[in-house]
Amino acid sequence: MIVALLAAVAGVVIGLALGALGGGGSVLAVPVLVALGQTPLEATTGSLVVVGTSATLGAVAARRRGNVLVGRGLGFGAVALGGAWLGAHLAARVPDPVLLGLFALLMVVVAVSMVLRARRPLPEPGDADEEPIIGLHPFVCRCPRALKVLVTATGVGLLTGFLGVGGGFVVVPALVLALGLAPRVAGGTSLVVIALTSAASLLFRAGSGVHPAWGLVLLLALAASLGAVLGARVATRVNQGRLTRAFAGVVLAAALVTSTQAVLAHG
């Protein structure tokens, strides 16, 4: 009962961050699941459900507001599937303390990224670039931009498959800089990418023999979804800069706890 209550409270906090900040909250799903008794591999697998559910619901809401380019999101996500496959298979071959230590490092990167973006928002490039990156009739190859998309999408897929995170802190800048999307549209479109790569990564892990506590995972996912709805309403009433810095502090604190768990597990 106590574990279920803690999962529900943690899920609402994760969802509030997702709804209010548009991303970053799901990075707490793994340390929460580890704290509730899951192994790092089970936690990163279960996190994919939390991330995928939240991203799907967020994408639907963003679509209604006209902030999603579904085709661009599906295309970017399709390119990311190779990295997701590789990451899912690597995760099963890495010792738990190493997996936990790498996740703690990722949390530090996410926290720093959030603070930097709050200080220096991404530029508004205007309308999305409608010219194809690669075309066959006639043949067109805007190779430098295609390479950016390939490298970034593969990296996002690798992060999702390996560590069970959405990678929105990478996807949004990539969609802005490589595809020319406005940050507002990139934020919504990134949710399509995250939903696709999370579902694929979960499928790739299906035969690995990892069995998280699915009841606990689903409770966390449902609570996060509720929190995301509340967070979206709160977003217009709070100072985004202060909220981002406060949440980055929470992520850094969680990274410290996670790194300590990794050291203890290794010892």
C-alpha atoms as a PDB file:
ATOM      1  CA  MET A   1       0.000   0.000   0.000  1.00  0.00           C
ATOM      2  CA  ILE A   2       2.798   2.406   0.934  1.00  0.00           C
ATOM      3  CA  VAL A   3       4.722   1.542  -2.250  1.00  0.00           C
ATOM      4  CA  ALA A   4       1.617   2.185  -4.365  1.00  0.00           C
ATOM      5  CA  LEU A   5       1.055   5.541  -2.629  1.00  0.00           C
ATOM      6  CA  LEU A   6       4.679   6.573  -3.221  1.00  0.00           C
ATOM      7  CA  ALA A   7       4.397   5.548  -6.891  1.00  0.00           C
ATOM      8  CA  ALA A   8       1.231   7.617  -7.296  1.00  0.00           C
ATOM      9  CA  VAL A   9       2.769  10.713  -5.686  1.00  0.00           C
ATOM     10  CA  ALA A  10       5.986  10.369  -7.701  1.00  0.00           C
ATOM     11  CA  GLY A  11       3.964   9.893 -10.885  1.00  0.00           C
ATOM     12  CA  VAL A  12       2.019  13.101 -10.312  1.00  0.00           C
ATOM     13  CA  VAL A  13       5.294  15.011  -9.739  1.00  0.00           C
ATOM     14  CA  ILE A  14       6.755  13.579 -12.960  1.00  0.00           C
ATOM     15  CA  GLY A  15       3.608  14.486 -14.869  1.00  0.00           C
ATOM     16  CA  LEU A  16       3.501  18.001 -13.440  1.00  0.00           C
ATOM     17  CA  ALA A  17       7.027  18.589 -14.729  1.00  0.00           C
ATOM     18  CA  LEU A  18       6.141  17.163 -18.138  1.00  0.00           C
ATOM     19  CA  GLY A  19       2.986  19.234 -18.423  1.00  0.00           C
ATOM     20  CA  ALA A  20       4.440  22.478 -17.084  1.00  0.00           C
ATOM     21  CA  LEU A  21       7.853  22.331 -18.769  1.00  0.00           C
ATOM     22  CA  GLY A  22       7.074  20.282 -21.880  1.00  0.00           C
ATOM     23  CA  GLY A  23       9.720  17.665 -21.073  1.00  0.00           C
ATOM     24  CA  GLY A  24      12.379  16.488 -18.678  1.00  0.00           C
ATOM     25  CA  GLY A  25      10.057  14.988 -16.092  1.00  0.00           C
ATOM     26  CA  SER A  26      10.288  11.457 -17.420  1.00  0.00           C
ATOM     27  CA  VAL A  27      13.991  11.322 -16.514  1.00  0.00           C
ATOM     28  CA  LEU A  28      12.830  10.821 -12.907  1.00  0.00           C
ATOM     29  CA  ALA A  29      10.895   7.639 -13.750  1.00  0.00           C
ATOM     30  CA  VAL A  30      13.978   5.404 -13.599  1.00  0.00           C
ATOM     31  CA  PRO A  31      15.318   6.551 -10.185  1.00  0.00           C
ATOM     32  CA  VAL A  32      11.770   6.397  -8.790  1.00  0.00           C
ATOM     33  CA  LEU A  33      11.340   2.799  -9.969  1.00  0.00           C
ATOM     34  CA  VAL A  34      14.781   1.868  -8.614  1.00  0.00           C
ATOM     35  CA  ALA A  35      13.879   3.427  -5.260  1.00  0.00           C
ATOM     36  CA  LEU A  36      10.680   1.339  -5.279  1.00  0.00           C
ATOM     37  CA  GLY A  37      12.639  -1.899  -5.588  1.00  0.00           C
ATOM     38  CA  GLN A  38      13.197  -2.441  -9.306  1.00  0.00           C
ATOM     39  CA  THR A  39      16.599  -3.338 -10.752  1.00  0.00           C
ATOM     40  CA  PRO A  40      18.127  -0.755 -13.120  1.00  0.00           C
ATOM     41  CA  LEU A  41      17.280  -2.916 -16.159  1.00  0.00           C
ATOM     42  CA  GLU A  42      13.700  -3.410 -14.947  1.00  0.00           C
ATOM     43  CA  ALA A  43      13.422   0.315 -14.181  1.00  0.00           C
ATOM     44  CA  THR A  44      14.667   1.440 -17.613  1.00  0.00           C
ATOM     45  CA  THR A  45      12.234  -1.019 -19.226  1.00  0.00           C
ATOM     46  CA  GLY A  46       9.283   0.114 -17.126  1.00  0.00           C
ATOM     47  CA  SER A  47      10.231   3.749 -17.718  1.00  0.00           C
ATOM     48  CA  LEU A  48       9.495   3.265 -21.417  1.00  0.00           C
ATOM     49  CA  VAL A  49       5.817   2.754 -20.542  1.00  0.00           C
ATOM     50  CA  VAL A  50       5.735   5.964 -18.483  1.00  0.00           C
ATOM     51  CA  VAL A  51       7.586   7.925 -21.171  1.00  0.00           C
ATOM     52  CA  GLY A  52       5.552   6.502 -24.058  1.00  0.00           C
ATOM     53  CA  THR A  53       2.181   7.020 -22.363  1.00  0.00           C
ATOM     54  CA  SER A  54       2.957  10.604 -21.366  1.00  0.00           C
ATOM     55  CA  ALA A  55       4.342  11.441 -24.818  1.00  0.00           C
ATOM     56  CA  THR A  56       1.327   9.964 -26.610  1.00  0.00           C
ATOM     57  CA  LEU A  57      -1.171  11.911 -24.520  1.00  0.00           C
ATOM     58  CA  GLY A  58       0.935  15.042 -24.862  1.00  0.00           C
ATOM     59  CA  ALA A  59       1.137  14.633 -28.641  1.00  0.00           C
ATOM     60  CA  VAL A  60      -2.657  14.333 -28.901  1.00  0.00           C
ATOM     61  CA  ALA A  61      -3.117  17.519 -26.850  1.00  0.00           C
ATOM     62  CA  ALA A  62      -0.452  19.364 -28.867  1.00  0.00           C
ATOM     63  CA  ARG A  63      -2.049  18.194 -32.110  1.00  0.00           C
ATOM     64  CA  ARG A  64      -5.335  19.767 -31.072  1.00  0.00           C
ATOM     65  CA  ARG A  65      -3.507  23.070 -30.554  1.00  0.00           C
ATOM     66  CA  GLY A  66      -1.891  22.792 -34.000  1.00  0.00           C
ATOM     67  CA  ASN A  67       1.639  22.360 -32.634  1.00  0.00           C
ATOM     68  CA  VAL A  68       2.479  18.982 -34.204  1.00  0.00           C
ATOM     69  CA  LEU A  69       3.763  18.011 -37.650  1.00  0.00           C
ATOM     70  CA  VAL A  70       2.963  14.298 -37.557  1.00  0.00           C
ATOM     71  CA  GLY A  71       4.776  13.412 -40.788  1.00  0.00           C
ATOM     72  CA  ARG A  72       8.021  15.057 -39.666  1.00  0.00           C
ATOM     73  CA  GLY A  73       7.792  13.360 -36.278  1.00  0.00           C
ATOM     74  CA  LEU A  74       7.166   9.909 -37.750  1.00  0.00           C
ATOM     75  CA  GLY A  75      10.003  10.381 -40.253  1.00  0.00           C
ATOM     76  CA  PHE A  76      12.498  11.430 -37.584  1.00  0.00           C
ATOM     77  CA  GLY A  77      11.290   8.639 -35.310  1.00  0.00           C
ATOM     78  CA  ALA A  78      11.658   6.045 -38.085  1.00  0.00           C
ATOM     79  CA  VAL A  79      15.297   7.057 -38.552  1.00  0.00           C
ATOM     80  CA  ALA A  80      15.788   6.693 -34.774  1.00  0.00           C
ATOM     81  CA  LEU A  81      14.616   3.059 -34.708  1.00  0.00           C
ATOM     82  CA  GLY A  82      18.051   1.687 -35.575  1.00  0.00           C
ATOM     83  CA  GLY A  83      19.562   3.389 -32.539  1.00  0.00           C
ATOM     84  CA  ALA A  84      16.647   2.207 -30.375  1.00  0.00           C
ATOM     85  CA  TRP A  85      17.261  -1.415 -31.436  1.00  0.00           C
ATOM     86  CA  LEU A  86      20.970  -1.132 -30.650  1.00  0.00           C
ATOM     87  CA  GLY A  87      20.346   0.559 -27.295  1.00  0.00           C
ATOM     88  CA  ALA A  88      17.772  -2.034 -26.209  1.00  0.00           C
ATOM     89  CA  HIS A  89      20.201  -4.864 -26.893  1.00  0.00           C
ATOM     90  CA  LEU A  90      23.150  -3.120 -25.234  1.00  0.00           C
ATOM     91  CA  ALA A  91      21.151  -2.454 -22.050  1.00  0.00           C
ATOM     92  CA  ALA A  92      20.780  -6.186 -21.376  1.00  0.00           C
ATOM     93  CA  ARG A  93      24.571  -6.638 -21.585  1.00  0.00           C
ATOM     94  CA  VAL A  94      25.653  -3.844 -19.227  1.00  0.00           C
ATOM     95  CA  PRO A  95      26.070  -4.513 -15.467  1.00  0.00           C
ATOM     96  CA  ASP A  96      23.450  -2.840 -13.262  1.00  0.00           C
ATOM     97  CA  PRO A  97      25.887  -0.497 -11.443  1.00  0.00           C
ATOM     98  CA  VAL A  98      27.239   0.760 -14.794  1.00  0.00           C
ATOM     99  CA  LEU A  99      23.716   1.280 -16.151  1.00  0.00           C
ATOM    100  CA  LEU A 100      22.755   3.207 -13.029  1.00  0.00           C
ATOM    101  CA  GLY A 101      25.941   5.295 -13.150  1.00  0.00           C
ATOM    102  CA  LEU A 102      25.368   6.215 -16.795  1.00  0.00           C
ATOM    103  CA  PHE A 103      21.805   7.204 -15.976  1.00  0.00           C
ATOM    104  CA  ALA A 104      23.036   9.477 -13.160  1.00  0.00           C
ATOM    105  CA  LEU A 105      25.385  11.145 -15.663  1.00  0.00           C
ATOM    106  CA  LEU A 106      22.503  11.610 -18.087  1.00  0.00           C
ATOM    107  CA  MET A 107      20.446  13.293 -15.363  1.00  0.00           C
ATOM    108  CA  VAL A 108      23.215  15.841 -14.825  1.00  0.00           C
ATOM    109  CA  VAL A 109      23.283  16.547 -18.581  1.00  0.00           C
ATOM    110  CA  VAL A 110      19.491  16.969 -18.637  1.00  0.00           C
ATOM    111  CA  ALA A 111      19.538  19.365 -15.664  1.00  0.00           C
ATOM    112  CA  VAL A 112      22.283  21.516 -17.200  1.00  0.00           C
ATOM    113  CA  SER A 113      20.478  21.492 -20.558  1.00  0.00           C
ATOM    114  CA  MET A 114      17.251  22.693 -18.923  1.00  0.00           C
ATOM    115  CA  VAL A 115      18.990  25.594 -17.176  1.00  0.00           C
ATOM    116  CA  LEU A 116      20.850  26.659 -20.334  1.00  0.00           C
ATOM    117  CA  ARG A 117      17.696  26.558 -22.424  1.00  0.00           C
ATOM    118  CA  ALA A 118      15.857  28.655 -19.826  1.00  0.00           C
ATOM    119  CA  ARG A 119      18.591  31.296 -20.130  1.00  0.00           C
ATOM    120  CA  ARG A 120      19.022  31.077 -23.916  1.00  0.00           C
ATOM    121  CA  PRO A 121      15.805  29.984 -25.633  1.00  0.00           C
ATOM    122  CA  LEU A 122      16.089  28.380 -29.063  1.00  0.00           C
ATOM    123  CA  PRO A 123      15.784  30.832 -31.976  1.00  0.00           C
ATOM    124  CA  GLU A 124      12.549  31.159 -33.908  1.00  0.00           C
ATOM    125  CA  PRO A 125      13.436  30.161 -37.492  1.00  0.00           C
ATOM    126  CA  GLY A 126      10.021  31.017 -38.860  1.00  0.00           C
ATOM    127  CA  ASP A 127       8.108  28.622 -41.081  1.00  0.00           C
ATOM    128  CA  ALA A 128       9.239  25.029 -41.353  1.00  0.00           C
ATOM    129  CA  ASP A 129      11.411  24.206 -44.346  1.00  0.00           C
ATOM    130  CA  GLU A 130       9.133  22.367 -46.783  1.00  0.00           C
ATOM    131  CA  GLU A 131      11.828  21.274 -49.230  1.00  0.00           C
ATOM    132  CA  PRO A 132      12.607  17.532 -48.968  1.00  0.00           C
ATOM    133  CA  ILE A 133      15.939  16.515 -47.510  1.00  0.00           C
ATOM    134  CA  ILE A 134      16.082  13.477 -49.794  1.00  0.00           C
ATOM    135  CA  GLY A 135      13.953  12.938 -52.899  1.00  0.00           C
ATOM    136  CA  LEU A 136      13.908  10.406 -55.726  1.00  0.00           C
ATOM    137  CA  HIS A 137      11.842  12.024 -58.505  1.00  0.00           C
ATOM    138  CA  PRO A 138      13.870  14.056 -59.268  1.00  0.00           C
ATOM    139  CA  PHE A 139      16.808  12.935 -57.141  1.00  0.00           C
ATOM    140  CA  VAL A 140      17.597  15.454 -54.391  1.00  0.00           C
ATOM    141  CA  CYS A 141      20.022  15.066 -51.505  1.00  0.00           C
ATOM    142  CA  ARG A 142      20.586  17.898 -49.084  1.00  0.00           C
ATOM    143  CA  CYS A 143      23.342  15.783 -47.574  1.00  0.00           C
ATOM    144  CA  PRO A 144      24.635  18.008 -44.723  1.00  0.00           C
ATOM    145  CA  ARG A 145      21.124  18.343 -43.294  1.00  0.00           C
ATOM    146  CA  ALA A 146      20.394  14.650 -43.916  1.00  0.00           C
ATOM    147  CA  LEU A 147      23.551  13.729 -41.996  1.00  0.00           C
ATOM    148  CA  LYS A 148      22.479  15.913 -39.054  1.00  0.00           C
ATOM    149  CA  VAL A 149      19.113  14.184 -38.943  1.00  0.00           C
ATOM    150  CA  LEU A 150      20.667  10.710 -39.214  1.00  0.00           C
ATOM    151  CA  VAL A 151      23.225  11.280 -36.451  1.00  0.00           C
ATOM    152  CA  THR A 152      20.827  13.034 -34.081  1.00  0.00           C
ATOM    153  CA  ALA A 153      17.931  10.617 -34.613  1.00  0.00           C
ATOM    154  CA  THR A 154      20.206   7.612 -34.108  1.00  0.00           C
ATOM    155  CA  GLY A 155      21.532   9.159 -30.890  1.00  0.00           C
ATOM    156  CA  VAL A 156      17.991   9.778 -29.638  1.00  0.00           C
ATOM    157  CA  GLY A 157      17.013   6.186 -30.415  1.00  0.00           C
ATOM    158  CA  LEU A 158      20.117   4.909 -28.635  1.00  0.00           C
ATOM    159  CA  LEU A 159      19.278   6.926 -25.508  1.00  0.00           C
ATOM    160  CA  THR A 160      15.684   5.707 -25.501  1.00  0.00           C
ATOM    161  CA  GLY A 161      16.538   2.069 -26.075  1.00  0.00           C
ATOM    162  CA  PHE A 162      19.471   2.007 -23.655  1.00  0.00           C
ATOM    163  CA  LEU A 163      18.331   4.193 -20.753  1.00  0.00           C
ATOM    164  CA  GLY A 164      14.551   4.279 -21.178  1.00  0.00           C
ATOM    165  CA  VAL A 165      14.284   8.069 -21.599  1.00  0.00           C
ATOM    166  CA  GLY A 166      12.523  10.111 -24.242  1.00  0.00           C
ATOM    167  CA  GLY A 167      15.472  12.302 -25.195  1.00  0.00           C
ATOM    168  CA  GLY A 168      13.323  15.383 -25.700  1.00  0.00           C
ATOM    169  CA  PHE A 169      16.198  17.623 -24.564  1.00  0.00           C
ATOM    170  CA  VAL A 170      17.996  16.463 -27.737  1.00  0.00           C
ATOM    171  CA  VAL A 171      15.015  16.051 -30.078  1.00  0.00           C
ATOM    172  CA  VAL A 172      13.656  19.584 -29.755  1.00  0.00           C
ATOM    173  CA  PRO A 173      16.908  21.394 -30.696  1.00  0.00           C
ATOM    174  CA  ALA A 174      17.441  18.859 -33.500  1.00  0.00           C
ATOM    175  CA  LEU A 175      14.019  19.533 -35.002  1.00  0.00           C
ATOM    176  CA  VAL A 176      14.661  23.277 -34.793  1.00  0.00           C
ATOM    177  CA  LEU A 177      18.181  23.254 -36.233  1.00  0.00           C
ATOM    178  CA  ALA A 178      17.973  20.348 -38.708  1.00  0.00           C
ATOM    179  CA  LEU A 179      14.370  20.638 -39.939  1.00  0.00           C
ATOM    180  CA  GLY A 180      13.781  24.339 -39.414  1.00  0.00           C
ATOM    181  CA  LEU A 181      10.769  23.958 -37.113  1.00  0.00           C
ATOM    182  CA  ALA A 182       9.729  26.700 -34.716  1.00  0.00           C
ATOM    183  CA  PRO A 183      10.475  25.705 -31.073  1.00  0.00           C
ATOM    184  CA  ARG A 184       6.750  25.618 -30.238  1.00  0.00           C
ATOM    185  CA  VAL A 185       6.068  23.169 -33.091  1.00  0.00           C
ATOM    186  CA  ALA A 186       9.287  21.241 -32.407  1.00  0.00           C
ATOM    187  CA  GLY A 187       8.171  20.661 -28.814  1.00  0.00           C
ATOM    188  CA  GLY A 188       4.883  19.116 -29.935  1.00  0.00           C
ATOM    189  CA  THR A 189       6.455  17.163 -32.795  1.00  0.00           C
ATOM    190  CA  SER A 190       9.133  15.747 -30.482  1.00  0.00           C
ATOM    191  CA  LEU A 191       6.375  13.971 -28.551  1.00  0.00           C
ATOM    192  CA  VAL A 192       5.529  11.964 -31.684  1.00  0.00           C
ATOM    193  CA  VAL A 193       9.193  10.951 -31.947  1.00  0.00           C
ATOM    194  CA  ILE A 194       9.350   9.995 -28.269  1.00  0.00           C
ATOM    195  CA  ALA A 195       6.116   7.973 -28.401  1.00  0.00           C
ATOM    196  CA  LEU A 196       7.360   6.032 -31.451  1.00  0.00           C
ATOM    197  CA  THR A 197      10.865   5.316 -30.136  1.00  0.00           C
ATOM    198  CA  SER A 198       9.558   4.368 -26.667  1.00  0.00           C
ATOM    199  CA  ALA A 199       7.089   1.863 -28.119  1.00  0.00           C
ATOM    200  CA  ALA A 200       9.755   0.407 -30.405  1.00  0.00           C
ATOM    201  CA  SER A 201      12.318   0.159 -27.592  1.00  0.00           C
ATOM    202  CA  LEU A 202       9.795  -1.634 -25.391  1.00  0.00           C
ATOM    203  CA  LEU A 203       9.125  -4.079 -28.238  1.00  0.00           C
ATOM    204  CA  PHE A 204      12.857  -4.631 -28.781  1.00  0.00           C
ATOM    205  CA  ARG A 205      13.241  -5.482 -25.082  1.00  0.00           C
ATOM    206  CA  ALA A 206      10.287  -7.898 -25.114  1.00  0.00           C
ATOM    207  CA  GLY A 207      12.411 -11.008 -25.539  1.00  0.00           C
ATOM    208  CA  SER A 208      15.124 -10.058 -23.065  1.00  0.00           C
ATOM    209  CA  GLY A 209      13.508 -11.836 -20.105  1.00  0.00           C
ATOM    210  CA  VAL A 210      13.114  -8.614 -18.095  1.00  0.00           C
ATOM    211  CA  HIS A 211       9.864  -8.461 -16.132  1.00  0.00           C
ATOM    212  CA  PRO A 212       9.297  -5.187 -14.238  1.00  0.00           C
ATOM    213  CA  ALA A 213       6.470  -4.908 -11.714  1.00  0.00           C
ATOM    214  CA  TRP A 214       3.949  -3.935 -14.373  1.00  0.00           C
ATOM    215  CA  GLY A 215       1.249  -2.978 -11.866  1.00  0.00           C
ATOM    216  CA  LEU A 216       3.628  -0.470 -10.284  1.00  0.00           C
ATOM    217  CA  VAL A 217       4.724   0.803 -13.697  1.00  0.00           C
ATOM    218  CA  LEU A 218       1.141   1.297 -14.895  1.00  0.00           C
ATOM    219  CA  LEU A 219       0.243   3.140 -11.670  1.00  0.00           C
ATOM    220  CA  LEU A 220       3.223   5.445 -12.181  1.00  0.00           C
ATOM    221  CA  ALA A 221       2.216   6.012 -15.817  1.00  0.00           C
ATOM    222  CA  LEU A 222      -1.416   6.804 -14.963  1.00  0.00           C
ATOM    223  CA  ALA A 223      -0.398   9.197 -12.176  1.00  0.00           C
ATOM    224  CA  ALA A 224       2.085  10.888 -14.532  1.00  0.00           C
ATOM    225  CA  SER A 225      -0.663  11.323 -17.131  1.00  0.00           C
ATOM    226  CA  LEU A 226      -2.908  12.984 -14.553  1.00  0.00           C
ATOM    227  CA  GLY A 227      -0.046  15.190 -13.423  1.00  0.00           C
ATOM    228  CA  ALA A 228       0.695  16.186 -17.028  1.00  0.00           C
ATOM    229  CA  VAL A 229      -2.857  17.464 -17.480  1.00  0.00           C
ATOM    230  CA  LEU A 230      -2.581  19.497 -14.272  1.00  0.00           C
ATOM    231  CA  GLY A 231       0.889  20.727 -15.219  1.00  0.00           C
ATOM    232  CA  ALA A 232      -0.321  22.022 -18.567  1.00  0.00           C
ATOM    233  CA  ARG A 233      -2.865  24.186 -16.739  1.00  0.00           C
ATOM    234  CA  VAL A 234      -0.294  25.410 -14.221  1.00  0.00           C
ATOM    235  CA  ALA A 235       2.210  26.328 -16.952  1.00  0.00           C
ATOM    236  CA  THR A 236       0.470  29.590 -17.822  1.00  0.00           C
ATOM    237  CA  ARG A 237       0.394  30.762 -14.195  1.00  0.00           C
ATOM    238  CA  VAL A 238       4.004  30.297 -13.093  1.00  0.00           C
ATOM    239  CA  ASN A 239       7.359  31.750 -14.056  1.00  0.00           C
ATOM    240  CA  GLN A 240       8.860  29.201 -16.457  1.00  0.00           C
ATOM    241  CA  GLY A 241      12.451  30.218 -15.706  1.00  0.00           C
ATOM    242  CA  ARG A 242      12.094  29.716 -11.966  1.00  0.00           C
ATOM    243  CA  LEU A 243      10.175  26.483 -12.420  1.00  0.00           C
ATOM    244  CA  THR A 244      12.826  25.126 -14.775  1.00  0.00           C
ATOM    245  CA  ARG A 245      15.668  25.984 -12.405  1.00  0.00           C
ATOM    246  CA  ALA A 246      13.792  24.467  -9.446  1.00  0.00           C
ATOM    247  CA  PHE A 247      13.133  21.250 -11.334  1.00  0.00           C
ATOM    248  CA  ALA A 248      16.731  21.111 -12.557  1.00  0.00           C
ATOM    249  CA  GLY A 249      17.728  21.195  -8.882  1.00  0.00           C
ATOM    250  CA  VAL A 250      15.443  18.235  -8.187  1.00  0.00           C
ATOM    251  CA  VAL A 251      17.002  16.315 -11.096  1.00  0.00           C
ATOM    252  CA  LEU A 252      20.521  17.064  -9.822  1.00  0.00           C
ATOM    253  CA  ALA A 253      19.572  15.854  -6.334  1.00  0.00           C
ATOM    254  CA  ALA A 254      18.126  12.678  -7.836  1.00  0.00           C
ATOM    255  CA  ALA A 255      21.332  12.248  -9.868  1.00  0.00           C
ATOM    256  CA  LEU A 256      23.366  12.406  -6.638  1.00  0.00           C
ATOM    257  CA  VAL A 257      21.188   9.748  -5.008  1.00  0.00           C
ATOM    258  CA  THR A 258      21.327   7.572  -8.136  1.00  0.00           C
ATOM    259  CA  SER A 259      25.108   7.824  -8.412  1.00  0.00           C
ATOM    260  CA  THR A 260      25.391   6.861  -4.711  1.00  0.00           C
ATOM    261  CA  GLN A 261      23.194   3.812  -5.365  1.00  0.00           C
ATOM    262  CA  ALA A 262      25.438   2.880  -8.299  1.00  0.00           C
ATOM    263  CA  VAL A 263      28.579   3.082  -6.149  1.00  0.00           C
ATOM    264  CA  LEU A 264      26.971   1.028  -3.360  1.00  0.00           C
ATOM    265  CA  ALA A 265      25.747  -1.555  -5.853  1.00  0.00           C
ATOM    266  CA  HIS A 266      29.232  -1.815  -7.333  1.00  0.00           C
ATOM    267  CA  GLY A 267      30.765  -2.196  -3.915  1.00  0.00           C
END
